[in-house]
């Protein structure tokens, strides 16, 4: 499963079309609308998390762009929810940058955010869902 947070900007002539719904029906993508301002005769802005296979994700983004929708990746970062983390170490096995490691002899999982490449492998691997993707930039709505 591939997932990203996107910022979509719809031209005023397209806000009435079911473009986002087509992502689900035509490309087998799921979406979670995080924030939206869509008004008649005005540009629409939507922040959503889009999930599916990587192939379908790419095809869905191409579809959006073919509909004159401006697509931007929202800046995001990985955060660890310390209350959910059980320090099982599963995330350390998949981390390609060494941002997650086990501190010995305490056997505590250490997260060095500066080394994190936001590949999201730890999010998929964590059994307690302690690793989370969060947007870092603010989207201004008019």
Protein backbone atom coordinates (compact mmCIF):
# COMPACT_ATOMS: atom_id res chain seq x y z
CA UNK A 1 0.00 0.00 0.00
CA UNK A 2 1.30 3.40 -1.03
CA UNK A 3 0.03 6.57 0.62
CA UNK A 4 0.75 10.30 0.32
CA UNK A 5 -0.77 13.55 1.43
CA UNK A 6 -1.54 15.78 -1.56
CA UNK A 7 -2.74 19.34 -2.04
CA UNK A 8 -5.16 19.66 -4.96
CA UNK A 9 -6.17 22.96 -6.56
CA UNK A 10 -9.23 22.81 -8.82
CA UNK A 11 -9.89 25.53 -11.41
CA UNK A 12 -13.22 27.27 -10.89
CA UNK A 13 -14.64 25.60 -14.01
CA UNK A 14 -13.98 22.12 -12.57
CA UNK A 15 -15.23 22.32 -8.96
CA UNK A 16 -18.60 20.83 -9.89
CA UNK A 17 -17.11 17.64 -11.40
CA UNK A 18 -16.76 14.38 -9.38
CA UNK A 19 -13.01 14.23 -10.00
CA UNK A 20 -11.98 12.90 -6.58
CA UNK A 21 -14.71 10.23 -6.62
CA UNK A 22 -13.31 8.98 -9.92
CA UNK A 23 -10.02 8.22 -8.16
CA UNK A 24 -11.87 5.56 -6.21
CA UNK A 25 -13.98 4.11 -9.00
CA UNK A 26 -11.50 4.24 -11.90
CA UNK A 27 -8.17 3.74 -10.11
CA UNK A 28 -9.07 1.73 -6.96
CA UNK A 29 -7.63 4.46 -4.73
CA UNK A 30 -8.94 5.37 -1.30
CA UNK A 31 -8.91 8.92 -0.08
CA UNK A 32 -9.29 10.69 3.23
CA UNK A 33 -10.15 14.39 2.91
CA UNK A 34 -8.14 16.24 5.55
CA UNK A 35 -9.27 19.74 4.64
CA UNK A 36 -11.22 21.32 1.81
CA UNK A 37 -12.61 24.60 0.57
CA UNK A 38 -14.64 24.10 -2.59
CA UNK A 39 -17.10 26.84 -3.58
CA UNK A 40 -19.07 27.46 -6.80
CA UNK A 41 -17.29 29.72 -9.31
CA UNK A 42 -14.10 29.84 -7.20
CA UNK A 43 -10.88 27.85 -7.15
CA UNK A 44 -11.21 24.74 -4.98
CA UNK A 45 -8.46 23.62 -2.62
CA UNK A 46 -8.36 20.18 -1.05
CA UNK A 47 -5.82 18.38 1.13
CA UNK A 48 -6.25 14.64 1.05
CA UNK A 49 -4.43 11.46 1.87
CA UNK A 50 -4.49 9.21 -1.18
CA UNK A 51 -3.76 5.49 -0.84
CA UNK A 52 -3.48 2.48 -3.14
CA UNK A 53 -0.94 0.59 -5.19
CA UNK A 54 1.96 2.65 -6.47
CA UNK A 55 0.91 2.01 -10.09
CA UNK A 56 -2.69 3.11 -9.45
CA UNK A 57 -1.45 6.11 -7.46
CA UNK A 58 0.67 7.32 -10.40
CA UNK A 59 -2.19 6.76 -12.86
CA UNK A 60 -4.60 8.60 -10.54
CA UNK A 61 -2.26 11.61 -10.30
CA UNK A 62 -1.95 11.64 -14.11
CA UNK A 63 -5.74 11.61 -14.31
CA UNK A 64 -5.98 14.58 -11.91
CA UNK A 65 -3.47 16.54 -13.96
CA UNK A 66 -5.38 15.71 -17.17
CA UNK A 67 -8.42 17.31 -15.53
CA UNK A 68 -6.47 20.56 -14.99
CA UNK A 69 -6.09 19.90 -11.26
CA UNK A 70 -2.85 21.23 -9.82
CA UNK A 71 -1.27 18.46 -7.69
CA UNK A 72 1.39 19.14 -5.04
CA UNK A 73 2.92 16.85 -2.46
CA UNK A 74 2.30 18.18 1.00
CA UNK A 75 5.50 18.33 2.97
CA UNK A 76 5.38 15.59 5.53
CA UNK A 77 7.41 14.03 8.28
CA UNK A 78 7.39 10.87 10.34
CA UNK A 79 6.61 11.23 14.02
CA UNK A 80 6.64 8.57 16.70
CA UNK A 81 3.79 8.41 19.18
CA UNK A 82 5.76 7.51 22.31
CA UNK A 83 2.67 6.35 24.20
CA UNK A 84 1.92 3.72 21.51
CA UNK A 85 5.52 2.53 21.01
CA UNK A 86 6.32 -0.78 22.73
CA UNK A 87 9.98 -0.77 21.58
CA UNK A 88 9.53 -4.07 19.74
CA UNK A 89 12.16 -3.09 17.16
CA UNK A 90 10.20 -4.15 14.06
CA UNK A 91 10.71 -0.70 12.53
CA UNK A 92 14.49 -0.91 12.87
CA UNK A 93 14.62 -3.91 10.53
CA UNK A 94 13.14 -1.95 7.61
CA UNK A 95 14.63 1.53 8.12
CA UNK A 96 17.04 2.14 5.20
CA UNK A 97 18.71 5.23 6.70
CA UNK A 98 19.33 4.08 10.28
CA UNK A 99 16.96 6.71 11.66
CA UNK A 100 15.49 3.95 13.82
CA UNK A 101 17.87 1.90 15.92
CA UNK A 102 17.99 -0.09 19.12
CA UNK A 103 19.90 1.37 22.05
CA UNK A 104 21.68 -1.34 24.00
CA UNK A 105 21.66 -2.59 26.72
CA UNK A 106 18.32 -0.86 27.44
CA UNK A 107 16.75 -2.32 24.25
CA UNK A 108 14.93 0.94 23.57
CA UNK A 109 14.09 2.05 20.03
CA UNK A 110 15.69 5.40 19.26
CA UNK A 111 14.31 7.63 16.48
CA UNK A 112 16.70 10.18 14.92
CA UNK A 113 14.38 12.32 12.80
CA UNK A 114 17.31 14.09 11.11
CA UNK A 115 18.26 10.80 9.41
CA UNK A 116 14.68 10.02 8.33
CA UNK A 117 13.99 10.05 4.56
CA UNK A 118 10.18 9.74 5.05
CA UNK A 119 10.09 6.47 3.07
CA UNK A 120 7.18 5.36 5.32
CA UNK A 121 8.37 1.74 5.63
CA UNK A 122 8.25 2.02 9.42
CA UNK A 123 4.63 3.18 9.27
CA UNK A 124 3.64 0.03 7.42
CA UNK A 125 5.73 -2.24 9.67
CA UNK A 126 4.85 -0.91 13.14
CA UNK A 127 2.39 -3.33 14.78
CA UNK A 128 1.11 -0.72 17.27
CA UNK A 129 0.91 2.09 14.67
CA UNK A 130 3.22 4.28 16.73
CA UNK A 131 4.91 5.66 13.61
CA UNK A 132 2.74 8.29 11.92
CA UNK A 133 2.96 10.53 8.85
CA UNK A 134 2.10 14.16 9.51
CA UNK A 135 2.03 17.19 7.21
CA UNK A 136 4.62 19.84 8.03
CA UNK A 137 3.54 22.80 5.93
CA UNK A 138 0.49 24.93 6.45
CA UNK A 139 -1.96 25.18 3.60
CA UNK A 140 -3.68 28.54 3.47
CA UNK A 141 -7.34 28.56 2.46
CA UNK A 142 -8.94 31.65 1.04
